[in-house]
């Protein structure tokens, strides 16, 4: 399992709590897009997250570009737990969505 940087661990934690697209993750973590999107690509490359594009019709109906949704894989959940042990403050930095 890859050793996660603090920012990647924070992003993984946000995803595991229900924040599922880049802008959501940026807002809840306070990280800039230049950190979030490359980290999401690395997390996906390492099979810790999977992504899918929102259907174009749904985005068009809401008059915005299609979003890419990210979901934590089982390996990602294990990595998120390990990261929370390594970085105990993660548990307090990101709160559960709709909490």
C-alpha atoms as a PDB file:
ATOM      1  CA  UNK A   1       0.000   0.000   0.000  1.00  0.00           C
ATOM      2  CA  UNK A   2       1.428   3.399  -0.936  1.00  0.00           C
ATOM      3  CA  UNK A   3       2.348   5.778   1.852  1.00  0.00           C
ATOM      4  CA  UNK A   4       0.121   8.831   1.516  1.00  0.00           C
ATOM      5  CA  UNK A   5       1.153  12.448   1.822  1.00  0.00           C
ATOM      6  CA  UNK A   6      -0.814  14.539   4.280  1.00  0.00           C
ATOM      7  CA  UNK A   7      -2.817  16.204   1.491  1.00  0.00           C
ATOM      8  CA  UNK A   8      -3.581  12.879  -0.249  1.00  0.00           C
ATOM      9  CA  UNK A   9      -4.689  11.430   3.096  1.00  0.00           C
ATOM     10  CA  UNK A  10      -6.924  14.460   3.669  1.00  0.00           C
ATOM     11  CA  UNK A  11      -8.485  14.043   0.213  1.00  0.00           C
ATOM     12  CA  UNK A  12      -9.023  10.317   0.756  1.00  0.00           C
ATOM     13  CA  UNK A  13     -10.640  11.057   4.115  1.00  0.00           C
ATOM     14  CA  UNK A  14     -12.992  13.591   2.489  1.00  0.00           C
ATOM     15  CA  UNK A  15     -13.965  11.073  -0.191  1.00  0.00           C
ATOM     16  CA  UNK A  16     -14.568   8.371   2.402  1.00  0.00           C
ATOM     17  CA  UNK A  17     -16.961  10.737   4.212  1.00  0.00           C
ATOM     18  CA  UNK A  18     -19.134  11.300   1.155  1.00  0.00           C
ATOM     19  CA  UNK A  19     -17.590  14.265  -0.633  1.00  0.00           C
ATOM     20  CA  UNK A  20     -17.507  12.832  -4.125  1.00  0.00           C
ATOM     21  CA  UNK A  21     -16.238  15.374  -6.650  1.00  0.00           C
ATOM     22  CA  UNK A  22     -13.242  17.681  -6.891  1.00  0.00           C
ATOM     23  CA  UNK A  23     -14.894  20.988  -6.043  1.00  0.00           C
ATOM     24  CA  UNK A  24     -16.568  19.410  -2.996  1.00  0.00           C
ATOM     25  CA  UNK A  25     -13.190  18.090  -1.843  1.00  0.00           C
ATOM     26  CA  UNK A  26     -11.539  21.489  -2.395  1.00  0.00           C
ATOM     27  CA  UNK A  27     -14.208  23.265  -0.336  1.00  0.00           C
ATOM     28  CA  UNK A  28     -14.122  20.878   2.615  1.00  0.00           C
ATOM     29  CA  UNK A  29     -10.335  20.474   2.785  1.00  0.00           C
ATOM     30  CA  UNK A  30      -9.309  24.012   1.850  1.00  0.00           C
ATOM     31  CA  UNK A  31      -6.781  22.587  -0.615  1.00  0.00           C
ATOM     32  CA  UNK A  32      -6.317  24.285  -4.004  1.00  0.00           C
ATOM     33  CA  UNK A  33      -7.225  22.628  -7.313  1.00  0.00           C
ATOM     34  CA  UNK A  34      -3.518  22.298  -8.153  1.00  0.00           C
ATOM     35  CA  UNK A  35      -3.206  19.944  -5.184  1.00  0.00           C
ATOM     36  CA  UNK A  36      -6.571  18.156  -5.307  1.00  0.00           C
ATOM     37  CA  UNK A  37      -6.775  17.090  -8.955  1.00  0.00           C
ATOM     38  CA  UNK A  38      -3.228  15.684  -9.306  1.00  0.00           C
ATOM     39  CA  UNK A  39      -3.724  13.836  -5.987  1.00  0.00           C
ATOM     40  CA  UNK A  40      -7.031  12.397  -7.218  1.00  0.00           C
ATOM     41  CA  UNK A  41      -5.267  11.125 -10.352  1.00  0.00           C
ATOM     42  CA  UNK A  42      -2.530   9.510  -8.225  1.00  0.00           C
ATOM     43  CA  UNK A  43      -5.099   7.952  -5.880  1.00  0.00           C
ATOM     44  CA  UNK A  44      -6.920   6.538  -8.900  1.00  0.00           C
ATOM     45  CA  UNK A  45      -3.657   5.289 -10.450  1.00  0.00           C
ATOM     46  CA  UNK A  46      -2.891   3.526  -7.142  1.00  0.00           C
ATOM     47  CA  UNK A  47      -6.400   1.932  -7.156  1.00  0.00           C
ATOM     48  CA  UNK A  48      -7.421   3.722  -3.958  1.00  0.00           C
ATOM     49  CA  UNK A  49     -10.275   5.536  -5.705  1.00  0.00           C
ATOM     50  CA  UNK A  50     -12.361   4.940  -8.823  1.00  0.00           C
ATOM     51  CA  UNK A  51     -14.052   7.619 -10.876  1.00  0.00           C
ATOM     52  CA  UNK A  52     -16.928   7.961 -13.292  1.00  0.00           C
ATOM     53  CA  UNK A  53     -18.290  10.865 -15.279  1.00  0.00           C
ATOM     54  CA  UNK A  54     -21.748  12.201 -14.573  1.00  0.00           C
ATOM     55  CA  UNK A  55     -24.138  11.585 -17.503  1.00  0.00           C
ATOM     56  CA  UNK A  56     -23.989  14.538 -19.910  1.00  0.00           C
ATOM     57  CA  UNK A  57     -27.801  14.866 -19.900  1.00  0.00           C
ATOM     58  CA  UNK A  58     -27.826  15.348 -16.113  1.00  0.00           C
ATOM     59  CA  UNK A  59     -25.168  18.070 -16.270  1.00  0.00           C
ATOM     60  CA  UNK A  60     -26.908  19.798 -19.191  1.00  0.00           C
ATOM     61  CA  UNK A  61     -30.213  19.756 -17.323  1.00  0.00           C
ATOM     62  CA  UNK A  62     -28.477  21.531 -14.416  1.00  0.00           C
ATOM     63  CA  UNK A  63     -26.743  23.919 -16.852  1.00  0.00           C
ATOM     64  CA  UNK A  64     -23.177  23.082 -15.845  1.00  0.00           C
ATOM     65  CA  UNK A  65     -20.269  20.970 -17.076  1.00  0.00           C
ATOM     66  CA  UNK A  66     -20.331  17.244 -16.294  1.00  0.00           C
ATOM     67  CA  UNK A  67     -18.709  16.317 -12.983  1.00  0.00           C
ATOM     68  CA  UNK A  68     -16.311  13.481 -12.371  1.00  0.00           C
ATOM     69  CA  UNK A  69     -17.391  11.536  -9.296  1.00  0.00           C
ATOM     70  CA  UNK A  70     -14.861   9.691  -7.150  1.00  0.00           C
ATOM     71  CA  UNK A  71     -15.478   6.720  -4.895  1.00  0.00           C
ATOM     72  CA  UNK A  72     -13.108   5.084  -2.422  1.00  0.00           C
ATOM     73  CA  UNK A  73     -12.219   1.455  -3.219  1.00  0.00           C
ATOM     74  CA  UNK A  74     -11.842  -1.218  -0.519  1.00  0.00           C
ATOM     75  CA  UNK A  75      -8.052  -0.682  -0.697  1.00  0.00           C
ATOM     76  CA  UNK A  76      -8.702   3.054  -0.340  1.00  0.00           C
ATOM     77  CA  UNK A  77     -10.778   2.488   2.792  1.00  0.00           C
ATOM     78  CA  UNK A  78      -7.900   0.531   4.302  1.00  0.00           C
ATOM     79  CA  UNK A  79      -5.482   3.308   3.315  1.00  0.00           C
ATOM     80  CA  UNK A  80      -7.801   5.952   4.792  1.00  0.00           C
ATOM     81  CA  UNK A  81      -7.874   4.108   8.128  1.00  0.00           C
ATOM     82  CA  UNK A  82      -4.071   3.769   8.109  1.00  0.00           C
ATOM     83  CA  UNK A  83      -3.731   7.462   7.232  1.00  0.00           C
ATOM     84  CA  UNK A  84      -6.013   8.458  10.115  1.00  0.00           C
ATOM     85  CA  UNK A  85      -3.753   6.491  12.454  1.00  0.00           C
ATOM     86  CA  UNK A  86      -0.672   8.150  10.951  1.00  0.00           C
ATOM     87  CA  UNK A  87      -2.247  11.635  10.950  1.00  0.00           C
ATOM     88  CA  UNK A  88      -4.649  11.666  13.943  1.00  0.00           C
ATOM     89  CA  UNK A  89      -5.801  15.226  13.218  1.00  0.00           C
ATOM     90  CA  UNK A  90      -7.467  14.000  10.012  1.00  0.00           C
ATOM     91  CA  UNK A  91     -10.351  12.789  12.112  1.00  0.00           C
ATOM     92  CA  UNK A  92     -11.039  16.405  13.109  1.00  0.00           C
ATOM     93  CA  UNK A  93     -10.178  18.233   9.882  1.00  0.00           C
ATOM     94  CA  UNK A  94     -12.949  16.837   7.716  1.00  0.00           C
ATOM     95  CA  UNK A  95     -16.483  16.359   8.956  1.00  0.00           C
ATOM     96  CA  UNK A  96     -19.011  13.986   7.522  1.00  0.00           C
ATOM     97  CA  UNK A  97     -21.138  15.336   4.699  1.00  0.00           C
ATOM     98  CA  UNK A  98     -24.597  16.468   5.842  1.00  0.00           C
ATOM     99  CA  UNK A  99     -23.495  16.248   9.473  1.00  0.00           C
END
